[in-house]
Amino acid sequence: MASWGAGRRLRVRHRTEYAYGSPVMVSFNELRMTPLDRDGQVLISHNLRLQPRAVVQSYIDYWGALVEAFDVHEAHRSLEIIATSTVDTVGGHGAAPGVDWSVVQASDVQDHWCEFVAPTAYVDDAATDEDRADLVETLRRLSTPGEAIRGAVDAVRDRLTYTPGATSVSTTAHEAWMAGNGVCQDFSHATLSLLRSLRIPARYVSGYLHVPDDAIGETVHGESHAWVEAWDGAWEPFDPTNDRLVGPEHVVVARGRDYADVPPTKGIFSGGKWTDLTVDVEITQLPR
C-alpha cells in the first residue's frame, strides 16, 4: 500500500473559444468541465462564464458527471467558454485488494460492470486483432488480473510515444497502436482495449493534471488529461501516459466507457463555419 500525503487545493481555469468565419445563428452545447464532488475529492466552487451569455441548465448524466447545457439563439462569430473551479484533490489512492481471475470473470461481476468490458467505437477487442492477439494471450496467462493490468499499462507505454498533434479526438485504440504514437486519450483507449479483451472491467477517466512541483500561488499552464481505472476487487486508477501513480495532482471530472462519454465540450450549430479553436488551461495551487 502506497504512502500518501495530503491532497492539493487547486484552482482550474479552463478557457475554450470557437471562432467562426461567418455568423452562427444558433448553437446547442453541453459542457463537462466541473470536477466531481465525490470519492474523497471536494468541489469548493465552480463558475461558468459564457460569451455570448446564455441560460445554463445543469444535470447529472448517466455516468455521474455534472453537465452544463446551454443554447445560444443570437448571431455570433465566436463562442467563449470559461470554467473556473476550486477543488481539494485526493491525497492518493490505495491499491485495489486484488482478486483471482475467477472472481473478475464471474458472471455477477461481468454483468454488474458489463458496460466497462464491452468494445466501443474507440475501444476495440484487441484479442481479435492479429497485431495484439499474442500480447492479449500473454497477459491472459499471468497469475492474477493485477499482474495483467500492470502488464497492459507497461505494454502500452512500450508501444506508444507521446506525440502531441499526431492523432485526433476521433483516433481509435487500434489506430493509435498501429501508429505507435498519440496523446493521453490514445494511451487510455489502447490500455482499455487490452484490459477489456481480458474481460477486466476498465473505464476512461477525464480531468486535469497539475505539475507535481509547482509552488503554491504560482499559476502554470495545465492540461486536460485522461487516464484509466481498472477493477481488481475495487477500482484502481492508472496513468499510462505518465507512468505515475494517480494522486493529488490529478483532478477527476468524469468517467465513462471512452472519450465519447466525457468530452469537455459537445454541441451542434447552424449557420457559419468553424475556423479556429483555442483551448487554454491554467492551474494554480492554493494554500489550504
C-alpha atoms as a PDB file:
ATOM      1  CA  MET A   1       0.000   0.000   0.000  1.00  0.00           C
ATOM      2  CA  ALA A   2       1.414   3.348  -1.041  1.00  0.00           C
ATOM      3  CA  SER A   3       2.051   6.078   1.498  1.00  0.00           C
ATOM      4  CA  TRP A   4       0.435   9.408   0.627  1.00  0.00           C
ATOM      5  CA  GLY A   5       0.441  12.935   1.931  1.00  0.00           C
ATOM      6  CA  ALA A   6      -2.408  15.409   1.809  1.00  0.00           C
ATOM      7  CA  GLY A   7      -4.215  16.336  -1.349  1.00  0.00           C
ATOM      8  CA  ARG A   8      -3.951  19.723  -3.021  1.00  0.00           C
ATOM      9  CA  ARG A   9      -6.245  22.700  -3.292  1.00  0.00           C
ATOM     10  CA  LEU A  10      -6.242  23.617  -6.963  1.00  0.00           C
ATOM     11  CA  ARG A  11      -7.932  26.354  -8.950  1.00  0.00           C
ATOM     12  CA  VAL A  12      -8.508  25.292 -12.541  1.00  0.00           C
ATOM     13  CA  ARG A  13      -9.368  27.844 -15.229  1.00  0.00           C
ATOM     14  CA  HIS A  14     -10.379  26.169 -18.492  1.00  0.00           C
ATOM     15  CA  ARG A  15     -10.944  28.559 -21.393  1.00  0.00           C
ATOM     16  CA  THR A  16     -12.298  27.436 -24.761  1.00  0.00           C
ATOM     17  CA  GLU A  17     -13.081  29.698 -27.707  1.00  0.00           C
ATOM     18  CA  TYR A  18     -14.648  28.741 -31.025  1.00  0.00           C
ATOM     19  CA  ALA A  19     -14.209  31.229 -33.887  1.00  0.00           C
ATOM     20  CA  TYR A  20     -16.424  31.193 -36.978  1.00  0.00           C
ATOM     21  CA  GLY A  21     -15.867  32.613 -40.461  1.00  0.00           C
ATOM     22  CA  SER A  22     -19.451  33.820 -40.698  1.00  0.00           C
ATOM     23  CA  PRO A  23     -22.209  34.302 -38.118  1.00  0.00           C
ATOM     24  CA  VAL A  24     -23.639  31.289 -36.348  1.00  0.00           C
ATOM     25  CA  MET A  25     -27.362  31.759 -35.895  1.00  0.00           C
ATOM     26  CA  VAL A  26     -27.995  29.189 -33.131  1.00  0.00           C
ATOM     27  CA  SER A  27     -25.973  26.638 -31.186  1.00  0.00           C
ATOM     28  CA  PHE A  28     -26.745  23.893 -28.666  1.00  0.00           C
ATOM     29  CA  ASN A  29     -23.968  22.949 -26.260  1.00  0.00           C
ATOM     30  CA  GLU A  30     -23.005  20.595 -23.435  1.00  0.00           C
ATOM     31  CA  LEU A  31     -20.040  21.041 -21.117  1.00  0.00           C
ATOM     32  CA  ARG A  32     -18.313  18.555 -18.821  1.00  0.00           C
ATOM     33  CA  MET A  33     -15.782  20.759 -17.054  1.00  0.00           C
ATOM     34  CA  THR A  34     -16.907  20.561 -13.422  1.00  0.00           C
ATOM     35  CA  PRO A  35     -14.688  18.444 -11.129  1.00  0.00           C
ATOM     36  CA  LEU A  36     -16.520  15.649  -9.345  1.00  0.00           C
ATOM     37  CA  ASP A  37     -17.575  16.178  -5.741  1.00  0.00           C
ATOM     38  CA  ARG A  38     -17.231  12.581  -4.559  1.00  0.00           C
ATOM     39  CA  ASP A  39     -14.816   9.730  -3.788  1.00  0.00           C
ATOM     40  CA  GLY A  40     -12.775  11.960  -1.478  1.00  0.00           C
ATOM     41  CA  GLN A  41     -12.461  14.829  -3.946  1.00  0.00           C
ATOM     42  CA  VAL A  42     -14.214  18.009  -2.752  1.00  0.00           C
ATOM     43  CA  LEU A  43     -15.535  20.669  -5.111  1.00  0.00           C
ATOM     44  CA  ILE A  44     -15.279  24.000  -3.296  1.00  0.00           C
ATOM     45  CA  SER A  45     -16.545  26.321  -6.017  1.00  0.00           C
ATOM     46  CA  HIS A  46     -17.388  26.397  -9.706  1.00  0.00           C
ATOM     47  CA  ASN A  47     -18.169  29.305 -12.007  1.00  0.00           C
ATOM     48  CA  LEU A  48     -19.058  29.322 -15.681  1.00  0.00           C
ATOM     49  CA  ARG A  49     -18.798  32.415 -17.874  1.00  0.00           C
ATOM     50  CA  LEU A  50     -20.142  32.472 -21.425  1.00  0.00           C
ATOM     51  CA  GLN A  51     -19.891  34.974 -24.226  1.00  0.00           C
ATOM     52  CA  PRO A  52     -22.470  35.394 -25.710  1.00  0.00           C
ATOM     53  CA  ARG A  53     -24.339  34.989 -22.450  1.00  0.00           C
ATOM     54  CA  ALA A  54     -26.842  32.165 -22.138  1.00  0.00           C
ATOM     55  CA  VAL A  55     -29.074  30.445 -19.602  1.00  0.00           C
ATOM     56  CA  VAL A  56     -27.377  27.326 -18.259  1.00  0.00           C
ATOM     57  CA  GLN A  57     -29.180  24.187 -17.122  1.00  0.00           C
ATOM     58  CA  SER A  58     -27.267  21.578 -15.115  1.00  0.00           C
ATOM     59  CA  TYR A  59     -27.887  17.877 -14.652  1.00  0.00           C
ATOM     60  CA  ILE A  60     -26.019  14.702 -13.721  1.00  0.00           C
ATOM     61  CA  ASP A  61     -25.577  12.377 -16.675  1.00  0.00           C
ATOM     62  CA  TYR A  62     -25.822   8.581 -16.743  1.00  0.00           C
ATOM     63  CA  TRP A  63     -22.134   8.209 -15.853  1.00  0.00           C
ATOM     64  CA  GLY A  64     -22.271  10.572 -12.871  1.00  0.00           C
ATOM     65  CA  ALA A  65     -20.718  13.690 -14.414  1.00  0.00           C
ATOM     66  CA  LEU A  66     -22.181  17.166 -13.963  1.00  0.00           C
ATOM     67  CA  VAL A  67     -23.275  18.514 -17.356  1.00  0.00           C
ATOM     68  CA  GLU A  68     -23.916  22.201 -18.056  1.00  0.00           C
ATOM     69  CA  ALA A  69     -26.160  22.660 -21.095  1.00  0.00           C
ATOM     70  CA  PHE A  70     -26.983  25.914 -22.848  1.00  0.00           C
ATOM     71  CA  ASP A  71     -28.303  27.270 -26.148  1.00  0.00           C
ATOM     72  CA  VAL A  72     -27.281  30.463 -27.913  1.00  0.00           C
ATOM     73  CA  HIS A  73     -30.083  31.980 -30.005  1.00  0.00           C
ATOM     74  CA  GLU A  74     -28.370  35.085 -31.309  1.00  0.00           C
ATOM     75  CA  ALA A  75     -25.979  35.560 -34.211  1.00  0.00           C
ATOM     76  CA  HIS A  76     -22.362  35.255 -33.105  1.00  0.00           C
ATOM     77  CA  ARG A  77     -18.927  34.895 -34.695  1.00  0.00           C
ATOM     78  CA  SER A  78     -17.282  33.421 -31.604  1.00  0.00           C
ATOM     79  CA  LEU A  79     -18.236  31.424 -28.537  1.00  0.00           C
ATOM     80  CA  GLU A  80     -16.086  31.801 -25.443  1.00  0.00           C
ATOM     81  CA  ILE A  81     -16.421  29.398 -22.508  1.00  0.00           C
ATOM     82  CA  ILE A  82     -14.517  29.944 -19.253  1.00  0.00           C
ATOM     83  CA  ALA A  83     -14.998  27.393 -16.468  1.00  0.00           C
ATOM     84  CA  THR A  84     -13.231  28.154 -13.188  1.00  0.00           C
ATOM     85  CA  SER A  85     -13.256  25.625 -10.357  1.00  0.00           C
ATOM     86  CA  THR A  86     -11.569  25.238  -6.986  1.00  0.00           C
ATOM     87  CA  VAL A  87     -11.196  21.690  -5.753  1.00  0.00           C
ATOM     88  CA  ASP A  88      -9.476  19.725  -3.000  1.00  0.00           C
ATOM     89  CA  THR A  89      -7.958  16.640  -4.568  1.00  0.00           C
ATOM     90  CA  VAL A  90      -7.451  13.221  -3.029  1.00  0.00           C
ATOM     91  CA  GLY A  91      -4.092  12.654  -1.373  1.00  0.00           C
ATOM     92  CA  GLY A  92      -3.724   9.280  -3.037  1.00  0.00           C
ATOM     93  CA  HIS A  93      -5.393   6.043  -3.993  1.00  0.00           C
ATOM     94  CA  GLY A  94      -4.514   2.757  -2.377  1.00  0.00           C
ATOM     95  CA  ALA A  95      -4.065  -0.329  -4.488  1.00  0.00           C
ATOM     96  CA  ALA A  96      -7.118  -2.488  -5.120  1.00  0.00           C
ATOM     97  CA  PRO A  97      -7.264  -5.570  -2.870  1.00  0.00           C
ATOM     98  CA  GLY A  98      -6.619  -7.886  -5.807  1.00  0.00           C
ATOM     99  CA  VAL A  99      -8.692 -10.915  -6.751  1.00  0.00           C
ATOM    100  CA  ASP A 100      -8.308 -14.115  -8.759  1.00  0.00           C
ATOM    101  CA  TRP A 101      -9.235 -14.458 -12.416  1.00  0.00           C
ATOM    102  CA  SER A 102     -12.272 -16.492 -11.388  1.00  0.00           C
ATOM    103  CA  VAL A 103     -13.636 -13.531  -9.427  1.00  0.00           C
ATOM    104  CA  VAL A 104     -13.098 -10.946 -12.175  1.00  0.00           C
ATOM    105  CA  GLN A 105     -14.659 -13.196 -14.799  1.00  0.00           C
ATOM    106  CA  ALA A 106     -17.567 -14.404 -12.644  1.00  0.00           C
ATOM    107  CA  SER A 107     -20.978 -13.701 -14.160  1.00  0.00           C
ATOM    108  CA  ASP A 108     -22.067 -11.351 -11.367  1.00  0.00           C
ATOM    109  CA  VAL A 109     -19.007  -9.120 -11.837  1.00  0.00           C
ATOM    110  CA  GLN A 110     -19.272  -9.231 -15.627  1.00  0.00           C
ATOM    111  CA  ASP A 111     -22.972  -8.388 -15.507  1.00  0.00           C
ATOM    112  CA  HIS A 112     -22.549  -5.595 -12.970  1.00  0.00           C
ATOM    113  CA  TRP A 113     -19.774  -3.887 -14.959  1.00  0.00           C
ATOM    114  CA  CYS A 114     -20.976  -5.004 -18.404  1.00  0.00           C
ATOM    115  CA  GLU A 115     -20.591  -1.529 -19.913  1.00  0.00           C
ATOM    116  CA  PHE A 116     -16.910  -1.478 -18.982  1.00  0.00           C
ATOM    117  CA  VAL A 117     -16.000  -4.810 -20.572  1.00  0.00           C
ATOM    118  CA  ALA A 118     -17.715  -4.275 -23.928  1.00  0.00           C
ATOM    119  CA  PRO A 119     -15.968  -2.812 -27.006  1.00  0.00           C
ATOM    120  CA  THR A 120     -16.915   0.678 -28.173  1.00  0.00           C
ATOM    121  CA  ALA A 121     -16.275   2.800 -31.240  1.00  0.00           C
ATOM    122  CA  TYR A 122     -12.955   3.893 -29.700  1.00  0.00           C
ATOM    123  CA  VAL A 123     -12.046   0.717 -27.801  1.00  0.00           C
ATOM    124  CA  ASP A 124     -11.945  -2.418 -29.940  1.00  0.00           C
ATOM    125  CA  ASP A 125     -11.404  -6.040 -28.890  1.00  0.00           C
ATOM    126  CA  ALA A 126      -7.639  -6.388 -29.047  1.00  0.00           C
ATOM    127  CA  ALA A 127      -7.914 -10.190 -28.972  1.00  0.00           C
ATOM    128  CA  THR A 128      -9.385 -10.141 -32.488  1.00  0.00           C
ATOM    129  CA  ASP A 129      -6.535  -8.025 -33.882  1.00  0.00           C
ATOM    130  CA  GLU A 130      -3.594 -10.024 -35.255  1.00  0.00           C
ATOM    131  CA  ASP A 131      -1.195  -7.300 -34.142  1.00  0.00           C
ATOM    132  CA  ARG A 132      -2.232  -7.584 -30.485  1.00  0.00           C
ATOM    133  CA  ALA A 133      -3.691 -11.092 -30.118  1.00  0.00           C
ATOM    134  CA  ASP A 134      -0.400 -12.629 -28.946  1.00  0.00           C
ATOM    135  CA  LEU A 135       0.011  -9.875 -26.364  1.00  0.00           C
ATOM    136  CA  VAL A 136      -3.504 -10.484 -25.065  1.00  0.00           C
ATOM    137  CA  GLU A 137      -2.729 -14.201 -24.682  1.00  0.00           C
ATOM    138  CA  THR A 138       0.498 -13.390 -22.829  1.00  0.00           C
ATOM    139  CA  LEU A 139      -1.393 -11.148 -20.428  1.00  0.00           C
ATOM    140  CA  ARG A 140      -4.121 -13.761 -20.001  1.00  0.00           C
ATOM    141  CA  ARG A 141      -1.552 -16.309 -18.824  1.00  0.00           C
ATOM    142  CA  LEU A 142      -0.308 -14.106 -15.983  1.00  0.00           C
ATOM    143  CA  SER A 143      -1.082 -15.311 -12.474  1.00  0.00           C
ATOM    144  CA  THR A 144      -3.551 -12.596 -11.444  1.00  0.00           C
ATOM    145  CA  PRO A 145      -5.645  -9.827 -13.001  1.00  0.00           C
ATOM    146  CA  GLY A 146      -3.489  -7.333 -11.093  1.00  0.00           C
ATOM    147  CA  GLU A 147      -0.382  -8.561 -12.920  1.00  0.00           C
ATOM    148  CA  ALA A 148      -2.249  -8.383 -16.222  1.00  0.00           C
ATOM    149  CA  ILE A 149      -3.385  -4.803 -15.546  1.00  0.00           C
ATOM    150  CA  ARG A 150       0.150  -3.650 -14.898  1.00  0.00           C
ATOM    151  CA  GLY A 151       1.368  -5.651 -17.866  1.00  0.00           C
ATOM    152  CA  ALA A 152      -1.165  -3.927 -20.128  1.00  0.00           C
ATOM    153  CA  VAL A 153      -0.128  -0.476 -18.889  1.00  0.00           C
ATOM    154  CA  ASP A 154       3.545  -1.322 -19.466  1.00  0.00           C
ATOM    155  CA  ALA A 155       2.828  -2.707 -22.949  1.00  0.00           C
ATOM    156  CA  VAL A 156       1.054   0.475 -23.996  1.00  0.00           C
ATOM    157  CA  ARG A 157       3.884   2.616 -22.685  1.00  0.00           C
ATOM    158  CA  ASP A 158       6.401   0.488 -24.584  1.00  0.00           C
ATOM    159  CA  ARG A 159       4.391   0.740 -27.799  1.00  0.00           C
ATOM    160  CA  LEU A 160       3.212   4.366 -27.835  1.00  0.00           C
ATOM    161  CA  THR A 161       5.300   7.520 -27.837  1.00  0.00           C
ATOM    162  CA  TYR A 162       3.683  10.686 -26.525  1.00  0.00           C
ATOM    163  CA  THR A 163       3.369  12.879 -29.615  1.00  0.00           C
ATOM    164  CA  PRO A 164       1.031  15.913 -29.484  1.00  0.00           C
ATOM    165  CA  GLY A 165      -0.719  16.509 -32.787  1.00  0.00           C
ATOM    166  CA  ALA A 166      -0.092  13.026 -34.152  1.00  0.00           C
ATOM    167  CA  THR A 167      -3.684  11.919 -33.582  1.00  0.00           C
ATOM    168  CA  SER A 168      -7.127  13.492 -33.311  1.00  0.00           C
ATOM    169  CA  VAL A 169     -10.115  13.153 -30.997  1.00  0.00           C
ATOM    170  CA  SER A 170     -11.518  10.528 -33.385  1.00  0.00           C
ATOM    171  CA  THR A 171      -8.453   8.230 -33.300  1.00  0.00           C
ATOM    172  CA  THR A 172      -9.265   4.699 -32.117  1.00  0.00           C
ATOM    173  CA  ALA A 173      -7.225   2.386 -29.920  1.00  0.00           C
ATOM    174  CA  HIS A 174      -6.281   0.248 -32.932  1.00  0.00           C
ATOM    175  CA  GLU A 175      -5.214   3.268 -34.983  1.00  0.00           C
ATOM    176  CA  ALA A 176      -3.060   4.621 -32.157  1.00  0.00           C
ATOM    177  CA  TRP A 177      -1.481   1.203 -31.594  1.00  0.00           C
ATOM    178  CA  MET A 178      -0.587   0.846 -35.269  1.00  0.00           C
ATOM    179  CA  ALA A 179       0.761   4.412 -35.449  1.00  0.00           C
ATOM    180  CA  GLY A 180       2.813   3.922 -32.301  1.00  0.00           C
ATOM    181  CA  ASN A 181       2.156   7.410 -31.005  1.00  0.00           C
ATOM    182  CA  GLY A 182      -0.545   9.623 -29.567  1.00  0.00           C
ATOM    183  CA  VAL A 183      -1.634  11.613 -26.546  1.00  0.00           C
ATOM    184  CA  CYS A 184      -3.246  10.735 -23.207  1.00  0.00           C
ATOM    185  CA  GLN A 185      -6.576   9.885 -24.858  1.00  0.00           C
ATOM    186  CA  ASP A 186      -4.830   7.332 -27.082  1.00  0.00           C
ATOM    187  CA  PHE A 187      -2.780   5.824 -24.242  1.00  0.00           C
ATOM    188  CA  SER A 188      -6.009   5.389 -22.287  1.00  0.00           C
ATOM    189  CA  HIS A 189      -8.003   3.870 -25.157  1.00  0.00           C
ATOM    190  CA  ALA A 190      -5.167   1.467 -26.012  1.00  0.00           C
ATOM    191  CA  THR A 191      -4.972   0.336 -22.379  1.00  0.00           C
ATOM    192  CA  LEU A 192      -8.735  -0.125 -22.150  1.00  0.00           C
ATOM    193  CA  SER A 193      -8.681  -2.218 -25.315  1.00  0.00           C
ATOM    194  CA  LEU A 194      -6.220  -4.690 -23.815  1.00  0.00           C
ATOM    195  CA  LEU A 195      -7.955  -4.863 -20.438  1.00  0.00           C
ATOM    196  CA  ARG A 196     -11.449  -5.386 -21.812  1.00  0.00           C
ATOM    197  CA  SER A 197     -10.133  -8.104 -24.123  1.00  0.00           C
ATOM    198  CA  LEU A 198      -9.199  -9.899 -20.893  1.00  0.00           C
ATOM    199  CA  ARG A 199     -12.714  -9.272 -19.507  1.00  0.00           C
ATOM    200  CA  ILE A 200     -11.255  -6.979 -16.839  1.00  0.00           C
ATOM    201  CA  PRO A 201     -13.687  -4.092 -16.221  1.00  0.00           C
ATOM    202  CA  ALA A 202     -11.957  -0.839 -17.120  1.00  0.00           C
ATOM    203  CA  ARG A 203     -13.179   2.725 -17.570  1.00  0.00           C
ATOM    204  CA  TYR A 204     -11.979   6.014 -19.039  1.00  0.00           C
ATOM    205  CA  VAL A 205     -11.359   8.974 -16.719  1.00  0.00           C
ATOM    206  CA  SER A 206     -11.144  12.599 -17.847  1.00  0.00           C
ATOM    207  CA  GLY A 207      -9.857  15.511 -15.826  1.00  0.00           C
ATOM    208  CA  TYR A 208      -6.856  17.751 -15.359  1.00  0.00           C
ATOM    209  CA  LEU A 209      -3.212  17.236 -14.454  1.00  0.00           C
ATOM    210  CA  HIS A 210      -1.189  19.618 -12.294  1.00  0.00           C
ATOM    211  CA  VAL A 211       2.611  19.541 -12.494  1.00  0.00           C
ATOM    212  CA  PRO A 212       3.769  17.944  -9.213  1.00  0.00           C
ATOM    213  CA  ASP A 213       6.334  20.504  -8.053  1.00  0.00           C
ATOM    214  CA  ASP A 214       4.605  23.820  -8.747  1.00  0.00           C
ATOM    215  CA  ALA A 215       4.835  26.388  -5.949  1.00  0.00           C
ATOM    216  CA  ILE A 216       1.765  27.488  -4.016  1.00  0.00           C
ATOM    217  CA  GLY A 217       0.298  30.614  -5.584  1.00  0.00           C
ATOM    218  CA  GLU A 218       2.036  30.068  -8.927  1.00  0.00           C
ATOM    219  CA  THR A 219      -0.277  29.848 -11.935  1.00  0.00           C
ATOM    220  CA  VAL A 220       1.017  27.415 -14.536  1.00  0.00           C
ATOM    221  CA  HIS A 221      -0.121  26.058 -17.858  1.00  0.00           C
ATOM    222  CA  GLY A 222      -2.027  22.866 -17.151  1.00  0.00           C
ATOM    223  CA  GLU A 223      -3.736  20.403 -19.427  1.00  0.00           C
ATOM    224  CA  SER A 224      -6.823  18.345 -19.848  1.00  0.00           C
ATOM    225  CA  HIS A 225      -5.839  14.788 -19.111  1.00  0.00           C
ATOM    226  CA  ALA A 226      -7.128  11.228 -19.349  1.00  0.00           C
ATOM    227  CA  TRP A 227      -6.267   8.030 -17.508  1.00  0.00           C
ATOM    228  CA  VAL A 228      -7.935   4.713 -16.689  1.00  0.00           C
ATOM    229  CA  GLU A 229      -9.409   2.819 -13.772  1.00  0.00           C
ATOM    230  CA  ALA A 230      -9.425  -0.976 -13.668  1.00  0.00           C
ATOM    231  CA  TRP A 231     -11.485  -3.237 -11.403  1.00  0.00           C
ATOM    232  CA  ASP A 232      -9.449  -5.703  -9.342  1.00  0.00           C
ATOM    233  CA  GLY A 233     -11.759  -6.239  -6.403  1.00  0.00           C
ATOM    234  CA  ALA A 234     -12.181  -2.435  -6.335  1.00  0.00           C
ATOM    235  CA  TRP A 235     -11.459   0.360  -8.779  1.00  0.00           C
ATOM    236  CA  GLU A 236      -7.802   1.344  -9.005  1.00  0.00           C
ATOM    237  CA  PRO A 237      -6.537   4.234 -11.181  1.00  0.00           C
ATOM    238  CA  PHE A 238      -3.549   4.110 -13.534  1.00  0.00           C
ATOM    239  CA  ASP A 239      -1.961   6.866 -15.598  1.00  0.00           C
ATOM    240  CA  PRO A 240      -0.429   5.057 -18.593  1.00  0.00           C
ATOM    241  CA  THR A 241       0.668   8.267 -20.303  1.00  0.00           C
ATOM    242  CA  ASN A 242       2.953   9.371 -17.478  1.00  0.00           C
ATOM    243  CA  ASP A 243       3.665   6.033 -15.799  1.00  0.00           C
ATOM    244  CA  ARG A 244       2.897   7.575 -12.408  1.00  0.00           C
ATOM    245  CA  LEU A 245       0.522   6.883  -9.569  1.00  0.00           C
ATOM    246  CA  VAL A 246      -2.745   8.798  -9.722  1.00  0.00           C
ATOM    247  CA  GLY A 247      -2.699  11.170  -6.800  1.00  0.00           C
ATOM    248  CA  PRO A 248      -3.041  14.761  -5.615  1.00  0.00           C
ATOM    249  CA  GLU A 249      -2.051  16.265  -8.965  1.00  0.00           C
ATOM    250  CA  HIS A 250      -4.987  14.587 -10.735  1.00  0.00           C
ATOM    251  CA  VAL A 251      -8.406  16.289 -10.814  1.00  0.00           C
ATOM    252  CA  VAL A 252     -11.276  13.963 -11.766  1.00  0.00           C
ATOM    253  CA  VAL A 253     -14.044  15.462 -13.919  1.00  0.00           C
ATOM    254  CA  ALA A 254     -15.871  12.490 -15.445  1.00  0.00           C
ATOM    255  CA  ARG A 255     -15.795   8.740 -16.018  1.00  0.00           C
ATOM    256  CA  GLY A 256     -17.211   6.706 -18.882  1.00  0.00           C
ATOM    257  CA  ARG A 257     -16.592   3.964 -21.416  1.00  0.00           C
ATOM    258  CA  ASP A 258     -14.334   6.120 -23.598  1.00  0.00           C
ATOM    259  CA  TYR A 259     -13.778   9.712 -24.686  1.00  0.00           C
ATOM    260  CA  ALA A 260     -17.189   9.900 -26.367  1.00  0.00           C
ATOM    261  CA  ASP A 261     -18.904   9.707 -22.963  1.00  0.00           C
ATOM    262  CA  VAL A 262     -16.915  12.555 -21.389  1.00  0.00           C
ATOM    263  CA  PRO A 263     -15.891  15.279 -23.892  1.00  0.00           C
ATOM    264  CA  PRO A 264     -15.307  18.697 -22.262  1.00  0.00           C
ATOM    265  CA  THR A 265     -17.426  20.360 -24.966  1.00  0.00           C
ATOM    266  CA  LYS A 266     -20.039  18.923 -27.258  1.00  0.00           C
ATOM    267  CA  GLY A 267     -22.639  20.563 -29.441  1.00  0.00           C
ATOM    268  CA  ILE A 268     -24.094  21.481 -32.797  1.00  0.00           C
ATOM    269  CA  PHE A 269     -24.644  24.806 -34.533  1.00  0.00           C
ATOM    270  CA  SER A 270     -26.495  26.213 -37.525  1.00  0.00           C
ATOM    271  CA  GLY A 271     -25.024  28.720 -39.946  1.00  0.00           C
ATOM    272  CA  GLY A 272     -21.461  29.912 -40.055  1.00  0.00           C
ATOM    273  CA  LYS A 273     -18.354  27.780 -40.494  1.00  0.00           C
ATOM    274  CA  TRP A 274     -15.970  26.800 -37.736  1.00  0.00           C
ATOM    275  CA  THR A 275     -12.493  28.181 -38.453  1.00  0.00           C
ATOM    276  CA  ASP A 276     -10.486  28.063 -35.229  1.00  0.00           C
ATOM    277  CA  LEU A 277     -10.464  26.507 -31.754  1.00  0.00           C
ATOM    278  CA  THR A 278      -8.427  27.834 -28.837  1.00  0.00           C
ATOM    279  CA  VAL A 279      -8.114  25.904 -25.568  1.00  0.00           C
ATOM    280  CA  ASP A 280      -6.117  27.076 -22.568  1.00  0.00           C
ATOM    281  CA  VAL A 281      -5.954  25.504 -19.100  1.00  0.00           C
ATOM    282  CA  GLU A 282      -4.370  27.324 -16.161  1.00  0.00           C
ATOM    283  CA  ILE A 283      -3.929  25.675 -12.766  1.00  0.00           C
ATOM    284  CA  THR A 284      -2.966  27.376  -9.508  1.00  0.00           C
ATOM    285  CA  GLN A 285      -2.169  25.569  -6.272  1.00  0.00           C
ATOM    286  CA  LEU A 286      -3.751  27.439  -3.368  1.00  0.00           C
ATOM    287  CA  PRO A 287      -2.955  27.287   0.356  1.00  0.00           C
ATOM    288  CA  ARG A 288      -5.265  25.079   2.408  1.00  0.00           C
END
